[in-house]
Structure formats: C-alpha cells, structure tokens
Amino acid sequence: MTALAHEASKTTSEAPMPPPDLDEVLWEAWKAMELPEGFHAEIVEGFIEVSPTGRCSHGMIINRLREELVLYLRGSDHASFQDLNVMNGPSVWIPDIFIAPRDIQPHFTSDGLCVEASAVLLVVEMVSPGHRDRTRDRVRKRRDYARAGIAVYVIIDDYDELGTVTVLSGPRPGEASYAAEHRVPYGTDIAVPEGPAKGFVIGEAITGPPRSG
C-alpha cells in the first residue's frame, strides 16, 4: 500500500502542466511590446496587429471631427476620447475616436491599461493605407466591434472610391455583424442614429468635398 501511494504521488507530481491560455499569451506579449515612435499595436480577432500613425490628412479629419464632437457633447455626461486602449475580452483596440462616459475612470480595467468596451457607445476609425490596414478597419474591426456590442461604428474611408463615410448601428454580437449600414460619399451629410451623439452630422466641414477622380 505504501509503495502504491508513493507511485501515485510521483505520477501526480510529474504530470505535465497545462499549456498557457492563448489569450493570456497574447495579452502578455502585447503589454511587453516596445514599438518605435509613430506605431501602435492592437489585438484584433486573436492577432497582434502593428500599424503606423496615419498621414497628415488622416489627422486633420480626425481632429476636425473631435473638435466638433467636443462642442456637440458639451454639458452632457459623455465625451469623446483619443489615444486610449479599449478592451473586450482578448481584443484590445486603439480607436481614432470613441465616445464614453465623461467620468471614464470607473470604467478602467483593474490594471488601469484599458477602458472596458462595455462603456463605449460609439467608435470612429479612419481607414489606413495598405491592403492589410484597410481590411482590418473595414472587416476585422467591424466584426470585433459588433461582437463587443459597440452601438455605433463610423468608418471614414479615403480609399473607398472618392472617399466615403459609413455609419453602422444595431450590433448583433452573436453574428459579429451590424443590422443597419448607411454609406455616403465625402461631402454628403450623414447623421449618427443613436446614443449621446444622436443627430451629430458628419459632412463636408469634417471630411472635405468629394475627391476628384
């Protein structure tokens, strides 16, 4: 009996450790990354993706939009934010702009690195150049934001024909899709359909006129 108990104990102590969880590995790798200035990393659909800071035209449009949102949301309980990480489970994004409660600190993750996606009501992304970057903003982030239940996703796209703005709403998390999609060319007004920025218009004052062909 003693020998059997000893063998059982030995077998148990030598049992292989379970492999680390992939999401945890991705999270630890993302936290440890040190990127050159002008680059940032996100976790989108289980992959770490590194992308450069946008061109000057990218920054101009995003800054115009942010300035207008600041005025539109003034006096409300919500505000627009930039340069903050947003987390939903294993995914981590750095949106160009997002809207969340003005008192955002209670919605930080326990380590203070990210904002919980459950607090985010609208996200804006301006599509970056390059096939991979375009696919990330148009397709992969679209699915990820829908999975997170982000109520409104706005895509500003320099590379769709002569420039377009797409507003997606009605997230279906289980299907990773949005129920409603409205897309207009630059220079045409389009309004946010719901949430604290409901009625906010994105038009020529923000994107500029339609591009020439």
C-alpha atoms as a PDB file:
ATOM      1  CA  MET A   1       0.000   0.000   0.000  1.00  0.00           C
ATOM      2  CA  THR A   2       2.828   2.383   0.844  1.00  0.00           C
ATOM      3  CA  ALA A   3       4.568   1.683  -2.454  1.00  0.00           C
ATOM      4  CA  LEU A   4       1.367   2.223  -4.393  1.00  0.00           C
ATOM      5  CA  ALA A   5       0.715   5.518  -2.616  1.00  0.00           C
ATOM      6  CA  HIS A   6       4.296   6.623  -3.343  1.00  0.00           C
ATOM      7  CA  GLU A   7       3.948   5.767  -7.040  1.00  0.00           C
ATOM      8  CA  ALA A   8       0.647   7.622  -7.259  1.00  0.00           C
ATOM      9  CA  SER A   9       2.187  10.691  -5.635  1.00  0.00           C
ATOM     10  CA  LYS A  10       5.162  10.562  -8.007  1.00  0.00           C
ATOM     11  CA  THR A  11       2.912  10.264 -11.046  1.00  0.00           C
ATOM     12  CA  THR A  12       0.816  13.201  -9.895  1.00  0.00           C
ATOM     13  CA  SER A  13       3.820  15.429  -9.223  1.00  0.00           C
ATOM     14  CA  GLU A  14       5.266  14.701 -12.657  1.00  0.00           C
ATOM     15  CA  ALA A  15       2.055  15.352 -14.579  1.00  0.00           C
ATOM     16  CA  PRO A  16       2.635  17.909 -17.336  1.00  0.00           C
ATOM     17  CA  MET A  17       1.469  21.438 -16.709  1.00  0.00           C
ATOM     18  CA  PRO A  18      -1.431  22.553 -18.905  1.00  0.00           C
ATOM     19  CA  PRO A  19      -0.387  24.817 -21.774  1.00  0.00           C
ATOM     20  CA  PRO A  20      -0.843  28.559 -21.187  1.00  0.00           C
ATOM     21  CA  ASP A  21      -4.055  30.119 -22.421  1.00  0.00           C
ATOM     22  CA  LEU A  22      -3.506  31.700 -25.854  1.00  0.00           C
ATOM     23  CA  ASP A  23      -5.448  34.844 -24.955  1.00  0.00           C
ATOM     24  CA  GLU A  24      -3.232  35.329 -21.893  1.00  0.00           C
ATOM     25  CA  VAL A  25      -0.104  34.849 -24.022  1.00  0.00           C
ATOM     26  CA  LEU A  26      -1.329  37.463 -26.498  1.00  0.00           C
ATOM     27  CA  TRP A  27      -2.145  39.872 -23.670  1.00  0.00           C
ATOM     28  CA  GLU A  28       1.275  39.476 -22.061  1.00  0.00           C
ATOM     29  CA  ALA A  29       3.022  39.842 -25.431  1.00  0.00           C
ATOM     30  CA  TRP A  30       1.024  42.994 -26.208  1.00  0.00           C
ATOM     31  CA  LYS A  31       1.890  44.545 -22.843  1.00  0.00           C
ATOM     32  CA  ALA A  32       5.589  43.788 -23.344  1.00  0.00           C
ATOM     33  CA  MET A  33       5.853  45.319 -26.825  1.00  0.00           C
ATOM     34  CA  GLU A  34       8.123  48.331 -27.283  1.00  0.00           C
ATOM     35  CA  LEU A  35       7.405  49.935 -30.644  1.00  0.00           C
ATOM     36  CA  PRO A  36       9.216  52.743 -32.468  1.00  0.00           C
ATOM     37  CA  GLU A  37       7.593  56.158 -32.235  1.00  0.00           C
ATOM     38  CA  GLY A  38       4.737  56.516 -34.681  1.00  0.00           C
ATOM     39  CA  PHE A  39       3.482  52.915 -34.390  1.00  0.00           C
ATOM     40  CA  HIS A  40       0.875  51.249 -32.221  1.00  0.00           C
ATOM     41  CA  ALA A  41      -0.262  47.669 -31.632  1.00  0.00           C
ATOM     42  CA  GLU A  42      -3.757  46.237 -31.216  1.00  0.00           C
ATOM     43  CA  ILE A  43      -5.207  42.757 -30.694  1.00  0.00           C
ATOM     44  CA  VAL A  44      -7.885  42.160 -33.326  1.00  0.00           C
ATOM     45  CA  GLU A  45      -9.619  38.782 -33.678  1.00  0.00           C
ATOM     46  CA  GLY A  46      -6.806  36.960 -31.902  1.00  0.00           C
ATOM     47  CA  PHE A  47      -3.874  38.577 -33.736  1.00  0.00           C
ATOM     48  CA  ILE A  48      -1.489  41.327 -32.675  1.00  0.00           C
ATOM     49  CA  GLU A  49      -1.503  43.937 -35.432  1.00  0.00           C
ATOM     50  CA  VAL A  50       1.030  46.770 -35.675  1.00  0.00           C
ATOM     51  CA  SER A  51       0.186  49.850 -37.730  1.00  0.00           C
ATOM     52  CA  PRO A  52       1.757  53.273 -38.314  1.00  0.00           C
ATOM     53  CA  THR A  53       0.332  56.633 -37.341  1.00  0.00           C
ATOM     54  CA  GLY A  54      -1.900  57.977 -40.117  1.00  0.00           C
ATOM     55  CA  ARG A  55      -0.925  60.567 -42.700  1.00  0.00           C
ATOM     56  CA  CYS A  56      -1.450  64.298 -42.121  1.00  0.00           C
ATOM     57  CA  SER A  57      -4.798  64.217 -43.980  1.00  0.00           C
ATOM     58  CA  HIS A  58      -5.883  61.409 -41.635  1.00  0.00           C
ATOM     59  CA  GLY A  59      -5.009  63.517 -38.596  1.00  0.00           C
ATOM     60  CA  MET A  60      -6.732  66.628 -39.978  1.00  0.00           C
ATOM     61  CA  ILE A  61     -10.067  64.875 -40.483  1.00  0.00           C
ATOM     62  CA  ILE A  62      -9.950  63.136 -37.099  1.00  0.00           C
ATOM     63  CA  ASN A  63      -9.082  66.393 -35.322  1.00  0.00           C
ATOM     64  CA  ARG A  64     -11.918  68.271 -37.052  1.00  0.00           C
ATOM     65  CA  LEU A  65     -14.312  65.517 -36.018  1.00  0.00           C
ATOM     66  CA  ARG A  66     -13.083  65.519 -32.423  1.00  0.00           C
ATOM     67  CA  GLU A  67     -13.381  69.316 -32.159  1.00  0.00           C
ATOM     68  CA  GLU A  68     -16.985  69.179 -33.383  1.00  0.00           C
ATOM     69  CA  LEU A  69     -17.840  66.317 -31.026  1.00  0.00           C
ATOM     70  CA  VAL A  70     -16.418  68.238 -28.068  1.00  0.00           C
ATOM     71  CA  LEU A  71     -18.821  71.086 -28.838  1.00  0.00           C
ATOM     72  CA  TYR A  72     -21.750  68.740 -29.500  1.00  0.00           C
ATOM     73  CA  LEU A  73     -21.301  66.796 -26.251  1.00  0.00           C
ATOM     74  CA  ARG A  74     -20.526  69.818 -24.074  1.00  0.00           C
ATOM     75  CA  GLY A  75     -22.663  69.802 -20.942  1.00  0.00           C
ATOM     76  CA  SER A  76     -23.606  66.128 -21.330  1.00  0.00           C
ATOM     77  CA  ASP A  77     -22.475  63.126 -19.307  1.00  0.00           C
ATOM     78  CA  HIS A  78     -20.441  61.808 -22.254  1.00  0.00           C
ATOM     79  CA  ALA A  79     -17.249  62.890 -24.003  1.00  0.00           C
ATOM     80  CA  SER A  80     -15.038  61.947 -26.951  1.00  0.00           C
ATOM     81  CA  PHE A  81     -11.647  60.344 -26.297  1.00  0.00           C
ATOM     82  CA  GLN A  82      -8.467  59.576 -28.228  1.00  0.00           C
ATOM     83  CA  ASP A  83      -5.258  57.631 -27.574  1.00  0.00           C
ATOM     84  CA  LEU A  84      -6.776  55.262 -25.019  1.00  0.00           C
ATOM     85  CA  ASN A  85      -6.855  51.467 -25.209  1.00  0.00           C
ATOM     86  CA  VAL A  86     -10.268  49.798 -25.319  1.00  0.00           C
ATOM     87  CA  MET A  87     -10.572  46.160 -24.221  1.00  0.00           C
ATOM     88  CA  ASN A  88     -13.182  43.485 -24.825  1.00  0.00           C
ATOM     89  CA  GLY A  89     -12.100  40.053 -23.613  1.00  0.00           C
ATOM     90  CA  PRO A  90      -8.977  39.150 -25.627  1.00  0.00           C
ATOM     91  CA  SER A  91      -9.309  42.114 -28.013  1.00  0.00           C
ATOM     92  CA  VAL A  92      -7.548  45.443 -27.465  1.00  0.00           C
ATOM     93  CA  TRP A  93      -8.104  48.401 -29.812  1.00  0.00           C
ATOM     94  CA  ILE A  94      -6.875  51.981 -30.048  1.00  0.00           C
ATOM     95  CA  PRO A  95      -9.728  53.727 -31.894  1.00  0.00           C
ATOM     96  CA  ASP A  96      -9.155  57.046 -33.627  1.00  0.00           C
ATOM     97  CA  ILE A  97     -12.056  58.418 -31.540  1.00  0.00           C
ATOM     98  CA  PHE A  98     -14.598  56.885 -29.191  1.00  0.00           C
ATOM     99  CA  ILE A  99     -17.450  58.174 -27.034  1.00  0.00           C
ATOM    100  CA  ALA A 100     -17.851  57.014 -23.435  1.00  0.00           C
ATOM    101  CA  PRO A 101     -18.988  58.459 -20.093  1.00  0.00           C
ATOM    102  CA  ARG A 102     -17.182  61.698 -19.266  1.00  0.00           C
ATOM    103  CA  ASP A 103     -16.265  60.213 -15.881  1.00  0.00           C
ATOM    104  CA  ILE A 104     -14.363  57.381 -17.537  1.00  0.00           C
ATOM    105  CA  GLN A 105     -12.074  56.258 -14.725  1.00  0.00           C
ATOM    106  CA  PRO A 106     -14.610  53.857 -13.139  1.00  0.00           C
ATOM    107  CA  HIS A 107     -14.575  52.003 -16.467  1.00  0.00           C
ATOM    108  CA  PHE A 108     -10.827  51.343 -16.484  1.00  0.00           C
ATOM    109  CA  THR A 109      -9.689  47.729 -16.272  1.00  0.00           C
ATOM    110  CA  SER A 110      -8.223  46.700 -12.910  1.00  0.00           C
ATOM    111  CA  ASP A 111      -4.654  47.224 -14.163  1.00  0.00           C
ATOM    112  CA  GLY A 112      -5.503  50.701 -15.489  1.00  0.00           C
ATOM    113  CA  LEU A 113      -4.286  49.880 -19.015  1.00  0.00           C
ATOM    114  CA  CYS A 114      -7.613  49.895 -20.860  1.00  0.00           C
ATOM    115  CA  VAL A 115     -11.183  51.146 -20.928  1.00  0.00           C
ATOM    116  CA  GLU A 116     -13.823  48.403 -20.786  1.00  0.00           C
ATOM    117  CA  ALA A 117     -15.628  48.152 -24.125  1.00  0.00           C
ATOM    118  CA  SER A 118     -18.961  47.938 -22.282  1.00  0.00           C
ATOM    119  CA  ALA A 119     -18.621  51.691 -21.561  1.00  0.00           C
ATOM    120  CA  VAL A 120     -18.009  52.639 -25.212  1.00  0.00           C
ATOM    121  CA  LEU A 121     -21.061  53.776 -27.174  1.00  0.00           C
ATOM    122  CA  LEU A 122     -19.518  54.905 -30.463  1.00  0.00           C
ATOM    123  CA  VAL A 123     -16.225  54.268 -32.244  1.00  0.00           C
ATOM    124  CA  VAL A 124     -14.716  56.115 -35.206  1.00  0.00           C
ATOM    125  CA  GLU A 125     -11.946  54.647 -37.344  1.00  0.00           C
ATOM    126  CA  MET A 126     -10.304  56.322 -40.303  1.00  0.00           C
ATOM    127  CA  VAL A 127      -9.094  53.682 -42.749  1.00  0.00           C
ATOM    128  CA  SER A 128      -5.325  53.458 -43.072  1.00  0.00           C
ATOM    129  CA  PRO A 129      -3.455  52.892 -46.360  1.00  0.00           C
ATOM    130  CA  GLY A 130      -2.305  49.413 -47.346  1.00  0.00           C
ATOM    131  CA  HIS A 131      -4.386  46.328 -48.079  1.00  0.00           C
ATOM    132  CA  ARG A 132      -3.936  44.780 -44.618  1.00  0.00           C
ATOM    133  CA  ASP A 133      -4.807  48.034 -42.838  1.00  0.00           C
ATOM    134  CA  ARG A 134      -7.895  48.586 -44.973  1.00  0.00           C
ATOM    135  CA  THR A 135      -9.123  45.049 -44.348  1.00  0.00           C
ATOM    136  CA  ARG A 136      -8.550  45.460 -40.604  1.00  0.00           C
ATOM    137  CA  ASP A 137     -10.701  48.608 -40.354  1.00  0.00           C
ATOM    138  CA  ARG A 138     -13.374  47.581 -42.864  1.00  0.00           C
ATOM    139  CA  VAL A 139     -13.773  43.910 -41.972  1.00  0.00           C
ATOM    140  CA  ARG A 140     -11.988  42.587 -38.885  1.00  0.00           C
ATOM    141  CA  LYS A 141     -12.633  45.556 -36.597  1.00  0.00           C
ATOM    142  CA  ARG A 142     -16.193  45.743 -37.868  1.00  0.00           C
ATOM    143  CA  ARG A 143     -16.749  42.193 -36.652  1.00  0.00           C
ATOM    144  CA  ASP A 144     -14.892  42.771 -33.379  1.00  0.00           C
ATOM    145  CA  TYR A 145     -16.826  45.953 -32.560  1.00  0.00           C
ATOM    146  CA  ALA A 146     -20.111  44.185 -33.309  1.00  0.00           C
ATOM    147  CA  ARG A 147     -19.119  41.287 -31.031  1.00  0.00           C
ATOM    148  CA  ALA A 148     -18.436  43.818 -28.268  1.00  0.00           C
ATOM    149  CA  GLY A 149     -21.870  45.389 -28.735  1.00  0.00           C
ATOM    150  CA  ILE A 150     -20.495  48.823 -29.703  1.00  0.00           C
ATOM    151  CA  ALA A 151     -23.717  50.616 -30.633  1.00  0.00           C
ATOM    152  CA  VAL A 152     -22.357  52.756 -33.487  1.00  0.00           C
ATOM    153  CA  TYR A 153     -19.268  52.231 -35.643  1.00  0.00           C
ATOM    154  CA  VAL A 154     -18.266  55.042 -38.024  1.00  0.00           C
ATOM    155  CA  ILE A 155     -15.774  54.291 -40.811  1.00  0.00           C
ATOM    156  CA  ILE A 156     -14.175  57.238 -42.634  1.00  0.00           C
ATOM    157  CA  ASP A 157     -12.538  55.841 -45.750  1.00  0.00           C
ATOM    158  CA  ASP A 158     -10.206  57.795 -48.035  1.00  0.00           C
ATOM    159  CA  TYR A 159      -9.721  54.676 -50.155  1.00  0.00           C
ATOM    160  CA  ASP A 160     -13.333  53.764 -50.942  1.00  0.00           C
ATOM    161  CA  GLU A 161     -13.978  55.297 -54.366  1.00  0.00           C
ATOM    162  CA  LEU A 162     -13.506  59.088 -53.896  1.00  0.00           C
ATOM    163  CA  GLY A 163     -13.925  58.905 -50.131  1.00  0.00           C
ATOM    164  CA  THR A 164     -16.888  57.638 -48.098  1.00  0.00           C
ATOM    165  CA  VAL A 165     -18.351  57.714 -44.598  1.00  0.00           C
ATOM    166  CA  THR A 166     -20.147  54.580 -43.372  1.00  0.00           C
ATOM    167  CA  VAL A 167     -22.276  54.505 -40.215  1.00  0.00           C
ATOM    168  CA  LEU A 168     -23.076  51.077 -38.790  1.00  0.00           C
ATOM    169  CA  SER A 169     -25.608  50.551 -35.991  1.00  0.00           C
ATOM    170  CA  GLY A 170     -27.666  47.825 -34.372  1.00  0.00           C
ATOM    171  CA  PRO A 171     -24.871  45.428 -33.346  1.00  0.00           C
ATOM    172  CA  ARG A 172     -25.596  41.691 -33.391  1.00  0.00           C
ATOM    173  CA  PRO A 173     -22.859  40.310 -31.120  1.00  0.00           C
ATOM    174  CA  GLY A 174     -23.668  36.666 -31.766  1.00  0.00           C
ATOM    175  CA  GLU A 175     -23.384  37.184 -35.530  1.00  0.00           C
ATOM    176  CA  ALA A 176     -20.455  39.649 -35.401  1.00  0.00           C
ATOM    177  CA  SER A 177     -22.441  41.991 -37.645  1.00  0.00           C
ATOM    178  CA  TYR A 178     -24.479  45.198 -37.674  1.00  0.00           C
ATOM    179  CA  ALA A 179     -28.161  45.338 -38.592  1.00  0.00           C
ATOM    180  CA  ALA A 180     -28.026  48.762 -40.273  1.00  0.00           C
ATOM    181  CA  GLU A 181     -25.466  50.286 -42.625  1.00  0.00           C
ATOM    182  CA  HIS A 182     -25.556  53.726 -44.254  1.00  0.00           C
ATOM    183  CA  ARG A 183     -22.769  54.830 -46.603  1.00  0.00           C
ATOM    184  CA  VAL A 184     -22.362  58.219 -48.295  1.00  0.00           C
ATOM    185  CA  PRO A 185     -19.632  59.922 -50.338  1.00  0.00           C
ATOM    186  CA  TYR A 186     -17.500  62.687 -48.856  1.00  0.00           C
ATOM    187  CA  GLY A 187     -19.356  65.986 -48.964  1.00  0.00           C
ATOM    188  CA  THR A 188     -22.735  64.382 -48.167  1.00  0.00           C
ATOM    189  CA  ASP A 189     -24.198  64.782 -44.674  1.00  0.00           C
ATOM    190  CA  ILE A 190     -24.734  61.663 -42.586  1.00  0.00           C
ATOM    191  CA  ALA A 191     -26.035  61.679 -39.002  1.00  0.00           C
ATOM    192  CA  VAL A 192     -25.285  59.457 -36.011  1.00  0.00           C
ATOM    193  CA  PRO A 193     -28.526  57.496 -35.464  1.00  0.00           C
ATOM    194  CA  GLU A 194     -28.437  56.867 -31.706  1.00  0.00           C
ATOM    195  CA  GLY A 195     -26.630  57.347 -28.420  1.00  0.00           C
ATOM    196  CA  PRO A 196     -25.236  60.518 -26.802  1.00  0.00           C
ATOM    197  CA  ALA A 197     -24.132  61.858 -30.222  1.00  0.00           C
ATOM    198  CA  LYS A 198     -27.508  61.163 -31.863  1.00  0.00           C
ATOM    199  CA  GLY A 199     -28.121  63.721 -34.615  1.00  0.00           C
ATOM    200  CA  PHE A 200     -24.423  64.685 -34.912  1.00  0.00           C
ATOM    201  CA  VAL A 201     -23.714  65.295 -38.600  1.00  0.00           C
ATOM    202  CA  ILE A 202     -20.556  64.255 -40.418  1.00  0.00           C
ATOM    203  CA  GLY A 203     -20.330  66.235 -43.631  1.00  0.00           C
ATOM    204  CA  GLU A 204     -18.147  68.401 -45.815  1.00  0.00           C
ATOM    205  CA  ALA A 205     -16.972  70.558 -42.905  1.00  0.00           C
ATOM    206  CA  ILE A 206     -15.253  67.461 -41.487  1.00  0.00           C
ATOM    207  CA  THR A 207     -14.252  65.290 -44.443  1.00  0.00           C
ATOM    208  CA  GLY A 208     -13.967  67.968 -47.093  1.00  0.00           C
ATOM    209  CA  PRO A 209     -15.650  67.824 -50.511  1.00  0.00           C
ATOM    210  CA  PRO A 210     -15.686  64.712 -52.699  1.00  0.00           C
ATOM    211  CA  ARG A 211     -12.260  63.896 -54.095  1.00  0.00           C
ATOM    212  CA  SER A 212     -11.593  64.337 -57.785  1.00  0.00           C
ATOM    213  CA  GLY A 213     -11.205  61.135 -59.778  1.00  0.00           C
END
